[in-house]
Amino acid sequence: MKKIGPARKKLNMMIIDDTIAKVDESLKNLSEILTMYVNGEIPVVMGGIGKAIDFNLEQKQLLREMKRKEESPEKDS
């Protein structure tokens, strides 16, 4: 078996850590969505949970954009 150098090993660990972080974030999002769905905060519509997920992602995107605008107000020109 070929030995892996320290630089490659570090890169592999960074990739693994990044992947774990992305999966963790996805699971948190899914957990939030399912909690909202179970609590009846998300209306049951044609297409069910898929549309609810799309709706939630759109809401999160809008919130991010609003936060960005608050953090960096437009310059007066």
N, C-alpha and C. Protein backbone atom coordinates (compact mmCIF):
# COMPACT_ATOMS: atom_id res chain seq x y z
N MET A 1 0.83 -1.19 0.00
CA MET A 1 0.00 0.00 0.00
C MET A 1 0.88 1.26 0.00
N LYS A 2 0.46 2.26 -0.75
CA LYS A 2 1.23 3.50 -0.87
C LYS A 2 1.02 4.37 0.37
N LYS A 3 2.10 4.96 0.87
CA LYS A 3 2.01 5.84 2.04
C LYS A 3 1.51 7.21 1.60
N ILE A 4 0.75 7.85 2.48
CA ILE A 4 0.23 9.19 2.22
C ILE A 4 1.09 10.18 2.99
N GLY A 5 1.53 11.21 2.31
CA GLY A 5 2.35 12.24 2.96
C GLY A 5 1.53 13.11 3.89
N PRO A 6 2.20 13.86 4.76
CA PRO A 6 1.49 14.69 5.74
C PRO A 6 0.61 15.77 5.11
N ALA A 7 1.05 16.34 3.99
CA ALA A 7 0.25 17.38 3.32
C ALA A 7 -1.04 16.79 2.77
N ARG A 8 -0.93 15.64 2.14
CA ARG A 8 -2.12 14.98 1.58
C ARG A 8 -3.06 14.53 2.70
N LYS A 9 -2.47 14.04 3.79
CA LYS A 9 -3.28 13.60 4.93
C LYS A 9 -4.06 14.79 5.50
N LYS A 10 -3.38 15.96 5.61
CA LYS A 10 -4.03 17.16 6.13
C LYS A 10 -5.16 17.60 5.20
N LEU A 11 -4.91 17.56 3.89
CA LEU A 11 -5.93 17.92 2.91
C LEU A 11 -7.14 16.99 3.03
N ASN A 12 -6.87 15.69 3.12
CA ASN A 12 -7.96 14.72 3.27
C ASN A 12 -8.79 15.01 4.52
N MET A 13 -8.12 15.33 5.63
CA MET A 13 -8.84 15.63 6.87
C MET A 13 -9.68 16.89 6.72
N MET A 14 -9.15 17.89 6.01
CA MET A 14 -9.91 19.12 5.78
C MET A 14 -11.16 18.84 4.95
N ILE A 15 -11.01 18.01 3.94
CA ILE A 15 -12.16 17.64 3.09
C ILE A 15 -13.20 16.89 3.91
N ILE A 16 -12.74 15.96 4.74
CA ILE A 16 -13.66 15.19 5.58
C ILE A 16 -14.37 16.11 6.56
N ASP A 17 -13.63 17.01 7.22
CA ASP A 17 -14.24 17.95 8.17
C ASP A 17 -15.28 18.83 7.48
N ASP A 18 -14.97 19.31 6.28
CA ASP A 18 -15.90 20.15 5.53
C ASP A 18 -17.17 19.38 5.18
N THR A 19 -17.00 18.14 4.76
CA THR A 19 -18.14 17.29 4.41
C THR A 19 -19.01 17.04 5.63
N ILE A 20 -18.38 16.76 6.76
CA ILE A 20 -19.13 16.53 8.00
C ILE A 20 -19.92 17.78 8.38
N ALA A 21 -19.31 18.95 8.24
CA ALA A 21 -19.98 20.20 8.57
C ALA A 21 -21.20 20.42 7.67
N LYS A 22 -21.06 20.12 6.38
CA LYS A 22 -22.18 20.29 5.45
C LYS A 22 -23.32 19.33 5.78
N VAL A 23 -22.98 18.07 6.09
CA VAL A 23 -24.00 17.08 6.45
C VAL A 23 -24.69 17.51 7.74
N ASP A 24 -23.92 17.99 8.70
CA ASP A 24 -24.48 18.45 9.98
C ASP A 24 -25.46 19.59 9.75
N GLU A 25 -25.10 20.55 8.91
CA GLU A 25 -25.98 21.68 8.60
C GLU A 25 -27.26 21.20 7.92
N SER A 26 -27.12 20.25 6.99
CA SER A 26 -28.29 19.71 6.30
C SER A 26 -29.23 19.00 7.27
N LEU A 27 -28.65 18.25 8.20
CA LEU A 27 -29.47 17.55 9.19
C LEU A 27 -30.19 18.54 10.11
N LYS A 28 -29.52 19.63 10.48
CA LYS A 28 -30.17 20.65 11.31
C LYS A 28 -31.33 21.27 10.55
N ASN A 29 -31.11 21.59 9.27
CA ASN A 29 -32.18 22.17 8.45
C ASN A 29 -33.36 21.21 8.35
N LEU A 30 -33.06 19.94 8.09
CA LEU A 30 -34.12 18.94 7.97
C LEU A 30 -34.87 18.80 9.28
N SER A 31 -34.15 18.81 10.39
CA SER A 31 -34.77 18.70 11.71
C SER A 31 -35.72 19.87 11.95
N GLU A 32 -35.28 21.09 11.61
CA GLU A 32 -36.13 22.27 11.76
C GLU A 32 -37.39 22.14 10.91
N ILE A 33 -37.21 21.72 9.68
CA ILE A 33 -38.33 21.59 8.75
C ILE A 33 -39.33 20.56 9.26
N LEU A 34 -38.83 19.41 9.70
CA LEU A 34 -39.73 18.36 10.19
C LEU A 34 -40.44 18.80 11.46
N THR A 35 -39.76 19.53 12.33
CA THR A 35 -40.39 20.04 13.55
C THR A 35 -41.52 21.00 13.18
N MET A 36 -41.26 21.90 12.25
CA MET A 36 -42.29 22.83 11.80
C MET A 36 -43.46 22.08 11.17
N TYR A 37 -43.15 21.06 10.40
CA TYR A 37 -44.17 20.26 9.72
C TYR A 37 -45.06 19.55 10.74
N VAL A 38 -44.41 18.93 11.76
CA VAL A 38 -45.15 18.20 12.79
C VAL A 38 -46.00 19.15 13.63
N ASN A 39 -45.47 20.35 13.91
CA ASN A 39 -46.20 21.33 14.72
C ASN A 39 -47.31 22.02 13.94
N GLY A 40 -47.41 21.73 12.65
CA GLY A 40 -48.46 22.32 11.84
C GLY A 40 -48.15 23.73 11.38
N GLU A 41 -46.89 24.15 11.53
CA GLU A 41 -46.50 25.49 11.10
C GLU A 41 -46.37 25.57 9.58
N ILE A 42 -46.17 24.43 8.96
CA ILE A 42 -46.06 24.37 7.50
C ILE A 42 -47.36 23.73 6.99
N PRO A 43 -48.09 24.45 6.15
CA PRO A 43 -49.33 23.88 5.66
C PRO A 43 -49.08 22.66 4.76
N VAL A 44 -49.99 21.71 4.85
CA VAL A 44 -49.89 20.53 4.00
C VAL A 44 -50.47 20.92 2.64
N VAL A 45 -49.64 20.81 1.61
CA VAL A 45 -50.05 21.22 0.27
C VAL A 45 -49.80 20.07 -0.70
N MET A 46 -50.30 20.23 -1.91
CA MET A 46 -50.01 19.23 -2.93
C MET A 46 -48.50 19.15 -3.08
N GLY A 47 -47.97 17.98 -3.08
CA GLY A 47 -46.52 17.83 -3.15
C GLY A 47 -45.91 17.64 -1.78
N GLY A 48 -46.66 17.95 -0.74
CA GLY A 48 -46.26 17.65 0.64
C GLY A 48 -44.95 18.26 1.08
N ILE A 49 -44.12 17.42 1.67
CA ILE A 49 -42.91 17.88 2.35
C ILE A 49 -41.91 18.51 1.38
N GLY A 50 -41.87 18.08 0.13
CA GLY A 50 -40.94 18.66 -0.83
C GLY A 50 -41.17 20.15 -1.03
N LYS A 51 -42.44 20.55 -1.18
CA LYS A 51 -42.74 21.97 -1.33
C LYS A 51 -42.47 22.72 -0.04
N ALA A 52 -42.71 22.07 1.09
CA ALA A 52 -42.44 22.70 2.39
C ALA A 52 -40.95 22.98 2.53
N ILE A 53 -40.13 22.05 2.09
CA ILE A 53 -38.67 22.23 2.16
C ILE A 53 -38.26 23.40 1.26
N ASP A 54 -38.80 23.44 0.03
CA ASP A 54 -38.49 24.54 -0.88
C ASP A 54 -38.89 25.88 -0.26
N PHE A 55 -40.09 25.91 0.36
CA PHE A 55 -40.59 27.13 0.98
C PHE A 55 -39.65 27.56 2.11
N ASN A 56 -39.24 26.61 2.95
CA ASN A 56 -38.36 26.93 4.08
C ASN A 56 -37.02 27.46 3.59
N LEU A 57 -36.47 26.84 2.55
CA LEU A 57 -35.19 27.30 2.01
C LEU A 57 -35.30 28.71 1.45
N GLU A 58 -36.43 29.01 0.80
CA GLU A 58 -36.65 30.36 0.28
C GLU A 58 -36.70 31.37 1.42
N GLN A 59 -37.40 30.99 2.51
CA GLN A 59 -37.50 31.88 3.67
C GLN A 59 -36.13 32.14 4.28
N LYS A 60 -35.31 31.09 4.39
CA LYS A 60 -33.97 31.25 4.95
C LYS A 60 -33.13 32.17 4.07
N GLN A 61 -33.26 32.02 2.74
CA GLN A 61 -32.52 32.88 1.82
C GLN A 61 -32.93 34.34 1.98
N LEU A 62 -34.24 34.58 2.12
CA LEU A 62 -34.72 35.95 2.31
C LEU A 62 -34.18 36.53 3.62
N LEU A 63 -34.17 35.72 4.68
CA LEU A 63 -33.64 36.19 5.97
C LEU A 63 -32.17 36.55 5.85
N ARG A 64 -31.40 35.71 5.15
CA ARG A 64 -29.97 35.98 4.96
C ARG A 64 -29.77 37.31 4.24
N GLU A 65 -30.58 37.54 3.18
CA GLU A 65 -30.45 38.78 2.41
C GLU A 65 -30.81 39.99 3.27
N MET A 66 -31.85 39.85 4.11
CA MET A 66 -32.24 40.95 4.99
C MET A 66 -31.14 41.25 6.00
N LYS A 67 -30.53 40.21 6.56
CA LYS A 67 -29.45 40.40 7.52
C LYS A 67 -28.27 41.10 6.87
N ARG A 68 -27.94 40.70 5.63
CA ARG A 68 -26.84 41.33 4.90
C ARG A 68 -27.10 42.82 4.70
N LYS A 69 -28.34 43.15 4.34
CA LYS A 69 -28.68 44.56 4.11
C LYS A 69 -28.59 45.35 5.41
N GLU A 70 -28.99 44.73 6.54
CA GLU A 70 -28.91 45.41 7.83
C GLU A 70 -27.46 45.62 8.24
N GLU A 71 -26.61 44.62 7.98
CA GLU A 71 -25.21 44.70 8.38
C GLU A 71 -24.44 45.73 7.54
N SER A 72 -24.76 45.83 6.26
CA SER A 72 -24.07 46.79 5.40
C SER A 72 -25.10 47.68 4.71
N PRO A 73 -25.56 48.72 5.42
CA PRO A 73 -26.58 49.61 4.82
C PRO A 73 -26.05 50.27 3.55
N GLU A 74 -26.98 50.54 2.65
CA GLU A 74 -26.61 51.14 1.36
C GLU A 74 -26.00 52.52 1.58
N LYS A 75 -24.98 52.82 0.79
CA LYS A 75 -24.32 54.13 0.88
C LYS A 75 -25.19 55.18 0.20
N ASP A 76 -25.25 56.35 0.83
CA ASP A 76 -25.99 57.45 0.20
C ASP A 76 -25.19 57.99 -0.97
N SER A 77 -25.87 58.09 -2.13
CA SER A 77 -25.13 58.58 -3.30
C SER A 77 -25.71 59.86 -3.83
